[in-house]
Amino acid sequence: MGELTIDNIAISTKGLTKHFGKIIAVNNLNIEIDYGKTYALLGPNGAGKTTTVRMLNSIISPTSGTALVGGYDIISQSIEVKKICGFLPESPGLYQKLTPREFLEFIGELYSLPKELIITRIDELLEIFDLEGRENDLLEGFSRGMKQKVCLCAALIQDPKIIFLDEPTSNLDPAATRMVKDLISELTRKADKTIFICTHLLDTAEELCDRIGIIDKGTLKVEGTPRKIIDSVNAQDLEDAYLKIMGVTKIEDLLAWREELPEKAKEKKKRKGRKKK
């Protein structure tokens, strides 16, 4: 296997593969993402998006292949990888008997941040995510959307270079979704963060991302800018391109059975008649 190079590359994978028994979750993934860019991995449930992110965060080890994240090897330098990355999982865990402030203090201490810096960042994040006034309430009384906001704060508290967001707008209302989208744009444009998003929301990917990869059954089917992907299949927009690339039938085709049913019924009767003879 050849050496991976870093240069201006924030994330680089080479033959990244993960098997769970006989199931191939991710198959020979090769991608490169520049620093300061936003990248989306699109695909249906079970496509391999979350497995990819878990490998890139050194949470699980690949079956074969490797990757560099921030210049660190995900296998041999896993601690360094975790120090420079922020990760929001799709189904984050929270300590329900803690308050947002207590939970964020705990996360900050895990990263060995100075106490004063933890307090300052918590105050800033609570303001950004409109959680002021609720910072001392127990998390068990929060809605799913409010808990998602707290988890986003946790992913950002150590000011990571590279941020992984697995379905970042999950469970959020329209106003909160807009706020998260704006935050992602600000992080890349003003703070020069590199953001890797896993999502099945095409509008989010098209609006926010510099490059998009479409993955299905563990295999990367296509990659490029949103416009390049759209043009590659002569599509009208990203949704149309995605449907074509994934081979998904449009609703009018799915409903065509209503017109075909009478003809199929007649043919079935004819076949039965011939068999009786």
Protein backbone atom coordinates (compact mmCIF):
# COMPACT_ATOMS: atom_id res chain seq x y z
CA MET A 1 0.00 0.00 0.00
CA GLY A 2 1.32 3.41 -0.91
CA GLU A 3 2.00 6.20 1.56
CA LEU A 4 -0.76 8.69 2.24
CA THR A 5 0.29 12.32 1.88
CA ILE A 6 -1.07 15.22 3.94
CA ASP A 7 -0.09 18.58 2.38
CA ASN A 8 -3.38 20.54 2.46
CA ILE A 9 -5.47 17.41 2.93
CA ALA A 10 -7.54 17.21 6.13
CA ILE A 11 -8.92 13.72 5.52
CA SER A 12 -7.44 11.10 3.22
CA THR A 13 -8.52 7.47 2.99
CA LYS A 14 -6.87 4.65 1.08
CA GLY A 15 -8.76 1.41 0.53
CA LEU A 16 -10.71 1.96 3.76
CA THR A 17 -12.81 -1.17 4.31
CA LYS A 18 -14.91 -2.53 7.17
CA HIS A 19 -16.53 -5.96 7.44
CA PHE A 20 -18.97 -7.08 10.11
CA GLY A 21 -18.85 -10.82 9.64
CA LYS A 22 -19.98 -11.47 6.08
CA ILE A 23 -21.46 -7.97 5.76
CA ILE A 24 -19.31 -5.44 3.90
CA ALA A 25 -20.23 -2.15 5.55
CA VAL A 26 -17.61 -0.03 3.75
CA ASN A 27 -15.78 -1.25 0.67
CA ASN A 28 -12.45 0.19 -0.54
CA LEU A 29 -13.25 3.84 0.19
CA ASN A 30 -10.84 6.38 -1.32
CA ILE A 31 -11.53 10.06 -0.68
CA GLU A 32 -9.55 13.26 -0.07
CA ILE A 33 -10.95 16.36 1.64
CA ASP A 34 -9.08 19.66 1.79
CA TYR A 35 -8.81 21.73 4.95
CA GLY A 36 -11.51 24.37 5.30
CA LYS A 37 -14.03 22.51 3.15
CA THR A 38 -17.40 20.96 3.89
CA TYR A 39 -17.96 17.44 2.61
CA ALA A 40 -21.19 15.43 2.66
CA LEU A 41 -21.49 11.67 2.48
CA LEU A 42 -24.95 10.97 1.10
CA GLY A 43 -26.76 7.67 1.09
CA PRO A 44 -29.72 5.69 2.40
CA ASN A 45 -29.86 4.05 5.82
CA GLY A 46 -27.36 1.20 5.98
CA ALA A 47 -25.20 2.60 3.18
CA GLY A 48 -22.04 2.79 5.33
CA LYS A 49 -22.04 6.47 6.31
CA THR A 50 -21.92 6.05 10.07
CA THR A 51 -19.40 3.20 9.86
CA THR A 52 -17.13 5.48 7.81
CA VAL A 53 -17.33 8.28 10.36
CA ARG A 54 -16.71 5.92 13.26
CA MET A 55 -13.55 4.65 11.55
CA LEU A 56 -12.35 8.18 10.78
CA ASN A 57 -12.78 9.08 14.47
CA SER A 58 -10.81 6.00 15.58
CA ILE A 59 -13.86 4.60 17.37
CA ILE A 60 -13.72 1.34 15.42
CA SER A 61 -10.81 -0.09 13.45
CA PRO A 62 -10.97 -0.83 9.72
CA THR A 63 -10.77 -4.39 8.48
CA SER A 64 -8.27 -3.22 5.87
CA GLY A 65 -7.00 0.03 4.42
CA THR A 66 -6.24 3.15 6.41
CA ALA A 67 -6.79 6.90 6.65
CA LEU A 68 -5.12 10.08 7.80
CA VAL A 69 -7.21 12.62 9.70
CA GLY A 70 -5.47 15.91 10.36
CA GLY A 71 -2.22 14.20 9.42
CA TYR A 72 -2.66 11.44 12.02
CA ASP A 73 -3.10 7.75 11.26
CA ILE A 74 -6.48 6.51 12.51
CA ILE A 75 -4.96 3.19 13.62
CA SER A 76 -1.58 4.02 15.16
CA GLN A 77 -2.37 7.58 16.31
CA SER A 78 -5.96 7.24 17.49
CA ILE A 79 -5.54 9.46 20.57
CA GLU A 80 -4.20 12.34 18.47
CA VAL A 81 -7.09 11.92 16.03
CA LYS A 82 -9.65 12.19 18.83
CA LYS A 83 -7.98 15.31 20.24
CA ILE A 84 -8.36 17.31 17.03
CA CYS A 85 -11.83 16.08 16.04
CA GLY A 86 -15.32 16.93 17.19
CA PHE A 87 -17.96 14.26 16.65
CA LEU A 88 -21.74 14.46 16.83
CA PRO A 89 -23.18 10.93 16.43
CA GLU A 90 -26.64 10.34 15.01
CA SER A 91 -27.91 9.01 18.35
CA PRO A 92 -25.75 10.77 20.95
CA GLY A 93 -25.71 9.68 24.57
CA LEU A 94 -26.36 12.11 27.40
CA TYR A 95 -26.21 11.81 31.16
CA GLN A 96 -29.84 12.59 31.91
CA LYS A 97 -29.25 13.56 35.54
CA LEU A 98 -26.78 16.30 34.60
CA THR A 99 -27.54 19.84 33.51
CA PRO A 100 -26.20 21.18 30.19
CA ARG A 101 -23.52 23.13 32.05
CA GLU A 102 -22.45 20.09 34.09
CA PHE A 103 -22.39 17.88 31.01
CA LEU A 104 -20.32 20.34 28.99
CA GLU A 105 -17.91 20.82 31.92
CA PHE A 106 -17.47 17.04 31.98
CA ILE A 107 -16.75 16.92 28.22
CA GLY A 108 -14.30 19.82 28.50
CA GLU A 109 -12.42 18.05 31.28
CA LEU A 110 -12.19 14.90 29.15
CA TYR A 111 -10.24 16.99 26.65
CA SER A 112 -8.05 18.35 29.50
CA LEU A 113 -9.07 21.93 28.77
CA PRO A 114 -8.22 24.59 31.40
CA LYS A 115 -11.12 25.30 33.77
CA GLU A 116 -11.38 28.98 32.82
CA LEU A 117 -11.44 28.12 29.10
CA ILE A 118 -14.18 25.54 29.68
CA ILE A 119 -16.37 28.10 31.44
CA THR A 120 -15.80 30.70 28.71
CA ARG A 121 -16.62 28.28 25.89
CA ILE A 122 -19.70 26.94 27.65
CA ASP A 123 -21.06 30.47 28.00
CA GLU A 124 -20.38 31.17 24.32
CA LEU A 125 -21.99 27.93 23.13
CA LEU A 126 -25.05 28.32 25.34
CA GLU A 127 -25.61 31.75 23.80
CA ILE A 128 -25.07 30.53 20.23
CA PHE A 129 -27.53 27.66 20.63
CA ASP A 130 -30.10 29.72 22.55
CA LEU A 131 -29.83 27.58 25.68
CA GLU A 132 -29.42 30.43 28.14
CA GLY A 133 -31.89 30.09 30.97
CA ARG A 134 -31.93 26.29 30.64
CA GLU A 135 -28.29 25.62 31.45
CA ASN A 136 -29.10 24.51 35.02
CA ASP A 137 -32.10 22.31 34.20
CA LEU A 138 -31.71 18.54 34.12
CA LEU A 139 -31.26 17.09 30.64
CA GLU A 140 -33.93 14.46 31.29
CA GLY A 141 -36.55 17.20 30.91
CA PHE A 142 -35.26 18.40 27.53
CA SER A 143 -36.91 17.69 24.20
CA ARG A 144 -34.98 15.65 21.62
CA GLY A 145 -34.20 18.84 19.70
CA MET A 146 -32.87 20.59 22.79
CA LYS A 147 -30.70 17.57 23.60
CA GLN A 148 -29.35 17.72 20.04
CA LYS A 149 -28.28 21.31 20.66
CA VAL A 150 -26.40 20.29 23.81
CA CYS A 151 -24.64 17.52 21.89
CA LEU A 152 -23.61 20.01 19.22
CA CYS A 153 -22.12 22.15 21.97
CA ALA A 154 -20.18 19.11 23.21
CA ALA A 155 -18.82 18.46 19.71
CA LEU A 156 -17.51 22.02 19.51
CA ILE A 157 -16.25 22.69 23.03
CA GLN A 158 -12.59 21.82 22.39
CA ASP A 159 -12.55 24.00 19.24
CA PRO A 160 -11.74 21.06 16.94
CA LYS A 161 -9.97 21.42 13.60
CA ILE A 162 -12.18 18.80 11.97
CA ILE A 163 -15.85 18.32 12.81
CA PHE A 164 -17.88 15.21 12.02
CA LEU A 165 -21.66 15.62 12.07
CA ASP A 166 -23.86 12.54 11.63
CA GLU A 167 -27.36 13.82 10.70
CA PRO A 168 -26.75 17.18 12.47
CA THR A 169 -30.30 18.53 11.98
CA SER A 170 -32.01 15.37 13.24
CA ASN A 171 -34.96 16.16 15.54
CA LEU A 172 -34.54 19.91 15.13
CA ASP A 173 -37.40 22.28 14.32
CA PRO A 174 -37.11 24.52 11.21
CA ALA A 175 -35.70 27.48 13.16
CA ALA A 176 -33.05 25.37 14.89
CA THR A 177 -32.23 23.62 11.60
CA ARG A 178 -31.61 26.99 9.97
CA MET A 179 -29.40 28.00 12.88
CA VAL A 180 -27.30 24.82 12.57
CA LYS A 181 -26.91 25.33 8.81
CA ASP A 182 -25.79 28.92 9.36
CA LEU A 183 -23.36 27.76 12.04
CA ILE A 184 -21.81 25.20 9.67
CA SER A 185 -21.35 27.90 7.03
CA GLU A 186 -19.75 30.24 9.56
CA LEU A 187 -17.40 27.55 10.85
CA THR A 188 -15.97 26.91 7.40
CA ARG A 189 -16.04 30.48 6.10
CA LYS A 190 -14.79 32.38 9.15
CA ALA A 191 -13.15 29.78 11.40
CA ASP A 192 -11.62 27.68 8.57
CA LYS A 193 -12.98 24.44 10.00
CA THR A 194 -13.21 21.23 8.00
CA ILE A 195 -16.64 19.64 8.29
CA PHE A 196 -17.68 16.12 7.32
CA ILE A 197 -21.45 15.61 7.26
CA CYS A 198 -23.35 12.34 6.99
CA THR A 199 -26.88 12.94 5.82
CA HIS A 200 -29.71 11.74 3.63
CA LEU A 201 -31.07 15.30 3.33
CA LEU A 202 -30.23 16.43 -0.19
CA ASP A 203 -31.10 20.09 0.35
CA THR A 204 -28.68 20.29 3.29
CA ALA A 205 -25.86 18.76 1.25
CA GLU A 206 -26.49 20.93 -1.80
CA GLU A 207 -26.71 24.13 0.23
CA LEU A 208 -23.71 23.64 2.51
CA CYS A 209 -21.16 21.36 0.90
CA ASP A 210 -18.23 21.98 -1.41
CA ARG A 211 -18.07 18.31 -2.38
CA ILE A 212 -20.43 15.37 -2.09
CA GLY A 213 -19.92 11.63 -2.14
CA ILE A 214 -22.84 9.28 -2.74
CA ILE A 215 -22.43 5.88 -1.10
CA ASP A 216 -24.59 2.78 -1.38
CA LYS A 217 -24.06 -0.65 0.17
CA GLY A 218 -20.62 0.45 1.32
CA THR A 219 -19.38 1.51 -2.11
CA LEU A 220 -18.78 5.09 -3.22
CA LYS A 221 -20.77 5.47 -6.42
CA VAL A 222 -19.87 9.04 -7.38
CA GLU A 223 -18.06 12.06 -5.95
CA GLY A 224 -17.65 15.71 -6.88
CA THR A 225 -19.12 19.16 -6.48
CA PRO A 226 -22.93 19.31 -6.43
CA ARG A 227 -22.93 20.87 -9.92
CA LYS A 228 -20.56 18.24 -11.31
CA ILE A 229 -22.74 15.43 -9.99
CA ILE A 230 -25.90 17.04 -11.37
CA ASP A 231 -24.33 17.56 -14.80
CA SER A 232 -22.82 14.07 -14.91
CA VAL A 233 -26.26 12.47 -15.24
CA ASN A 234 -28.02 15.37 -17.02
CA ALA A 235 -30.20 16.00 -13.96
CA GLN A 236 -32.24 19.07 -13.08
CA ASP A 237 -31.06 19.26 -9.47
CA LEU A 238 -29.29 17.17 -6.84
CA GLU A 239 -32.44 15.28 -5.93
CA ASP A 240 -32.97 14.25 -9.54
CA ALA A 241 -29.28 13.29 -9.83
CA TYR A 242 -29.41 11.24 -6.65
CA LEU A 243 -32.46 9.31 -7.83
CA LYS A 244 -30.79 8.55 -11.16
CA ILE A 245 -27.50 7.48 -9.60
CA MET A 246 -29.20 5.29 -7.00
CA GLY A 247 -31.63 3.85 -9.54
CA VAL A 248 -34.60 4.93 -7.47
CA THR A 249 -37.92 4.85 -9.30
CA LYS A 250 -39.90 8.07 -9.29
CA ILE A 251 -43.35 8.17 -7.77
CA GLU A 252 -45.12 8.27 -11.14
CA ASP A 253 -43.35 5.05 -12.10
CA LEU A 254 -44.23 3.45 -8.80
CA LEU A 255 -47.88 4.26 -9.41
CA ALA A 256 -47.83 2.90 -12.95
CA TRP A 257 -49.02 -0.47 -11.60
CA ARG A 258 -52.54 0.95 -11.54
CA GLU A 259 -52.54 1.16 -15.32
CA GLU A 260 -50.63 -2.07 -15.85
CA LEU A 261 -52.72 -4.17 -13.48
CA PRO A 262 -55.69 -4.87 -15.83
CA GLU A 263 -53.37 -5.96 -18.65
CA LYS A 264 -51.35 -8.18 -16.32
CA ALA A 265 -54.53 -9.76 -14.97
CA LYS A 266 -55.70 -10.60 -18.50
CA GLU A 267 -52.33 -12.15 -19.35
CA LYS A 268 -52.38 -14.20 -16.15
CA LYS A 269 -55.82 -15.60 -17.02
CA LYS A 270 -54.63 -16.54 -20.51
CA ARG A 271 -51.64 -18.44 -19.06
CA LYS A 272 -53.88 -20.34 -16.68
CA GLY A 273 -56.26 -21.22 -19.53
CA ARG A 274 -53.41 -22.61 -21.63
CA LYS A 275 -52.13 -24.75 -18.73
CA LYS A 276 -55.59 -26.33 -18.22
CA LYS A 277 -55.75 -27.33 -21.87
